[in-house]
Amino acid sequence: MDNQKKPQENGLQIELTPQVAEGKYANLAILSHSHAEFIMDFARVMPGIPKAPVVSRLILAPEHAKRLLMALQDNVMKYERQFGPIVLPEQQQGGGGRTATPFGMPEGKA
């Protein structure tokens, strides 16, 4: 498999190495911010294990965080048009929560 994407309009080539292409599984995201940046830690929570290792951290400028938010919204809308609505567990239970916590773990506060 070719590990380079086609050049974008501006000539930038995005490289995807085989190791990065494997990805990292995460089922918990912890978000925080300062005036200068947004920090997203992605962790893997496993049942019966008291520690959740952070598998990846992204640090974004506020403008890039907003672009990421807009891109995620656009892609979720496209996904739901194609495959149907994504129903969150808290929506099924009638809860008003805005985050899901895997395996009944307490919700983190940022």
C-alpha atoms as a PDB file:
ATOM      1  CA  MET A   1       0.000   0.000   0.000  1.00  0.00           C
ATOM      2  CA  ASP A   2       1.306   3.420  -0.898  1.00  0.00           C
ATOM      3  CA  ASN A   3       2.056   5.379   2.257  1.00  0.00           C
ATOM      4  CA  GLN A   4       1.647   8.821   0.697  1.00  0.00           C
ATOM      5  CA  LYS A   5      -1.623  10.520  -0.125  1.00  0.00           C
ATOM      6  CA  LYS A   6      -2.169  12.409  -3.363  1.00  0.00           C
ATOM      7  CA  PRO A   7      -0.941  16.016  -3.319  1.00  0.00           C
ATOM      8  CA  GLN A   8      -3.491  18.573  -2.167  1.00  0.00           C
ATOM      9  CA  GLU A   9      -4.217  21.650  -4.304  1.00  0.00           C
ATOM     10  CA  ASN A  10      -1.438  23.568  -2.568  1.00  0.00           C
ATOM     11  CA  GLY A  11       1.065  20.791  -3.316  1.00  0.00           C
ATOM     12  CA  LEU A  12       1.268  19.483   0.257  1.00  0.00           C
ATOM     13  CA  GLN A  13       1.810  15.737   0.448  1.00  0.00           C
ATOM     14  CA  ILE A  14       0.390  14.037   3.532  1.00  0.00           C
ATOM     15  CA  GLU A  15       2.483  11.066   4.652  1.00  0.00           C
ATOM     16  CA  LEU A  16       0.808   8.171   6.431  1.00  0.00           C
ATOM     17  CA  THR A  17       3.367   5.683   7.724  1.00  0.00           C
ATOM     18  CA  PRO A  18       2.290   2.068   8.288  1.00  0.00           C
ATOM     19  CA  GLN A  19       2.696   2.465  12.061  1.00  0.00           C
ATOM     20  CA  VAL A  20       0.455   5.542  12.188  1.00  0.00           C
ATOM     21  CA  ALA A  21      -2.007   3.943   9.748  1.00  0.00           C
ATOM     22  CA  GLU A  22      -2.662   1.192  12.313  1.00  0.00           C
ATOM     23  CA  GLY A  23      -4.242   3.800  14.560  1.00  0.00           C
ATOM     24  CA  LYS A  24      -4.771   3.732  18.314  1.00  0.00           C
ATOM     25  CA  TYR A  25      -8.013   2.596  19.952  1.00  0.00           C
ATOM     26  CA  ALA A  26      -9.433   5.057  22.476  1.00  0.00           C
ATOM     27  CA  ASN A  27     -12.816   5.050  24.207  1.00  0.00           C
ATOM     28  CA  LEU A  28     -12.340   8.131  26.382  1.00  0.00           C
ATOM     29  CA  ALA A  29     -11.393  11.689  25.464  1.00  0.00           C
ATOM     30  CA  ILE A  30     -10.387  14.331  27.973  1.00  0.00           C
ATOM     31  CA  LEU A  31     -10.514  17.877  26.646  1.00  0.00           C
ATOM     32  CA  SER A  32      -8.994  20.992  28.191  1.00  0.00           C
ATOM     33  CA  HIS A  33      -7.977  24.415  26.961  1.00  0.00           C
ATOM     34  CA  SER A  34      -6.124  27.606  27.724  1.00  0.00           C
ATOM     35  CA  HIS A  35      -6.305  30.942  25.951  1.00  0.00           C
ATOM     36  CA  ALA A  36      -3.722  29.667  23.448  1.00  0.00           C
ATOM     37  CA  GLU A  37      -4.512  26.012  22.811  1.00  0.00           C
ATOM     38  CA  PHE A  38      -6.881  23.061  23.066  1.00  0.00           C
ATOM     39  CA  ILE A  39      -5.513  19.786  24.422  1.00  0.00           C
ATOM     40  CA  MET A  40      -7.201  16.481  23.637  1.00  0.00           C
ATOM     41  CA  ASP A  41      -6.037  13.372  25.457  1.00  0.00           C
ATOM     42  CA  PHE A  42      -7.364  10.074  24.126  1.00  0.00           C
ATOM     43  CA  ALA A  43      -7.293   7.157  26.574  1.00  0.00           C
ATOM     44  CA  ARG A  44      -8.244   3.504  26.662  1.00  0.00           C
ATOM     45  CA  VAL A  45     -10.469   2.438  29.564  1.00  0.00           C
ATOM     46  CA  MET A  46     -10.730  -1.295  30.226  1.00  0.00           C
ATOM     47  CA  PRO A  47     -13.145  -2.941  32.656  1.00  0.00           C
ATOM     48  CA  GLY A  48     -11.611  -3.883  35.995  1.00  0.00           C
ATOM     49  CA  ILE A  49      -8.394  -1.945  35.341  1.00  0.00           C
ATOM     50  CA  PRO A  50      -8.001   1.163  37.509  1.00  0.00           C
ATOM     51  CA  LYS A  51      -5.649   3.014  35.135  1.00  0.00           C
ATOM     52  CA  ALA A  52      -6.553   4.350  31.703  1.00  0.00           C
ATOM     53  CA  PRO A  53      -3.405   4.990  29.652  1.00  0.00           C
ATOM     54  CA  VAL A  54      -3.402   7.976  27.328  1.00  0.00           C
ATOM     55  CA  VAL A  55      -2.717   6.566  23.868  1.00  0.00           C
ATOM     56  CA  SER A  56      -2.526   9.882  22.036  1.00  0.00           C
ATOM     57  CA  ARG A  57      -2.479  13.623  22.751  1.00  0.00           C
ATOM     58  CA  LEU A  58      -3.348  16.360  20.269  1.00  0.00           C
ATOM     59  CA  ILE A  59      -2.576  20.013  20.896  1.00  0.00           C
ATOM     60  CA  LEU A  60      -4.384  22.461  18.620  1.00  0.00           C
ATOM     61  CA  ALA A  61      -4.596  26.201  18.182  1.00  0.00           C
ATOM     62  CA  PRO A  62      -8.139  27.473  18.927  1.00  0.00           C
ATOM     63  CA  GLU A  63      -8.792  28.123  15.231  1.00  0.00           C
ATOM     64  CA  HIS A  64      -7.804  24.576  14.344  1.00  0.00           C
ATOM     65  CA  ALA A  65      -9.963  23.173  17.155  1.00  0.00           C
ATOM     66  CA  LYS A  66     -12.945  24.989  15.677  1.00  0.00           C
ATOM     67  CA  ARG A  67     -12.109  23.673  12.197  1.00  0.00           C
ATOM     68  CA  LEU A  68     -11.914  20.151  13.658  1.00  0.00           C
ATOM     69  CA  LEU A  69     -15.311  20.636  15.329  1.00  0.00           C
ATOM     70  CA  MET A  70     -16.861  21.763  12.040  1.00  0.00           C
ATOM     71  CA  ALA A  71     -15.277  18.859  10.130  1.00  0.00           C
ATOM     72  CA  LEU A  72     -16.557  16.351  12.722  1.00  0.00           C
ATOM     73  CA  GLN A  73     -20.062  17.842  12.562  1.00  0.00           C
ATOM     74  CA  ASP A  74     -20.047  17.625   8.769  1.00  0.00           C
ATOM     75  CA  ASN A  75     -18.834  14.025   8.788  1.00  0.00           C
ATOM     76  CA  VAL A  76     -21.334  12.908  11.448  1.00  0.00           C
ATOM     77  CA  MET A  77     -24.163  14.438   9.382  1.00  0.00           C
ATOM     78  CA  LYS A  78     -22.929  12.608   6.263  1.00  0.00           C
ATOM     79  CA  TYR A  79     -22.604   9.350   8.214  1.00  0.00           C
ATOM     80  CA  GLU A  80     -26.148   9.638   9.610  1.00  0.00           C
ATOM     81  CA  ARG A  81     -27.585  10.399   6.167  1.00  0.00           C
ATOM     82  CA  GLN A  82     -25.966   7.226   4.844  1.00  0.00           C
ATOM     83  CA  PHE A  83     -26.358   4.841   7.798  1.00  0.00           C
ATOM     84  CA  GLY A  84     -29.055   6.336  10.035  1.00  0.00           C
ATOM     85  CA  PRO A  85     -28.928   8.183  13.337  1.00  0.00           C
ATOM     86  CA  ILE A  86     -26.233   7.506  15.901  1.00  0.00           C
ATOM     87  CA  VAL A  87     -28.122   6.953  19.149  1.00  0.00           C
ATOM     88  CA  LEU A  88     -26.144   7.617  22.316  1.00  0.00           C
ATOM     89  CA  PRO A  89     -26.881   5.567  25.467  1.00  0.00           C
ATOM     90  CA  GLU A  90     -27.787   8.689  27.453  1.00  0.00           C
ATOM     91  CA  GLN A  91     -30.337   9.611  24.775  1.00  0.00           C
ATOM     92  CA  GLN A  92     -31.984   6.190  25.104  1.00  0.00           C
ATOM     93  CA  GLN A  93     -32.224   6.504  28.892  1.00  0.00           C
ATOM     94  CA  GLY A  94     -33.712   9.976  28.689  1.00  0.00           C
ATOM     95  CA  GLY A  95     -30.690  11.464  30.431  1.00  0.00           C
ATOM     96  CA  GLY A  96     -29.492  14.926  29.673  1.00  0.00           C
ATOM     97  CA  GLY A  97     -25.788  14.110  29.913  1.00  0.00           C
ATOM     98  CA  ARG A  98     -23.492  15.351  27.211  1.00  0.00           C
ATOM     99  CA  THR A  99     -20.777  12.729  27.544  1.00  0.00           C
ATOM    100  CA  ALA A 100     -20.701   8.973  27.756  1.00  0.00           C
ATOM    101  CA  THR A 101     -18.464   7.180  30.219  1.00  0.00           C
ATOM    102  CA  PRO A 102     -17.404   3.682  29.251  1.00  0.00           C
ATOM    103  CA  PHE A 103     -17.876   0.819  31.700  1.00  0.00           C
ATOM    104  CA  GLY A 104     -19.745   2.991  34.213  1.00  0.00           C
ATOM    105  CA  MET A 105     -16.627   4.933  35.139  1.00  0.00           C
ATOM    106  CA  PRO A 106     -17.200   8.303  36.837  1.00  0.00           C
ATOM    107  CA  GLU A 107     -17.274  11.205  34.433  1.00  0.00           C
ATOM    108  CA  GLY A 108     -14.098  13.294  34.379  1.00  0.00           C
ATOM    109  CA  LYS A 109     -14.229  17.013  35.020  1.00  0.00           C
ATOM    110  CA  ALA A 110     -12.079  19.494  33.114  1.00  0.00           C
END
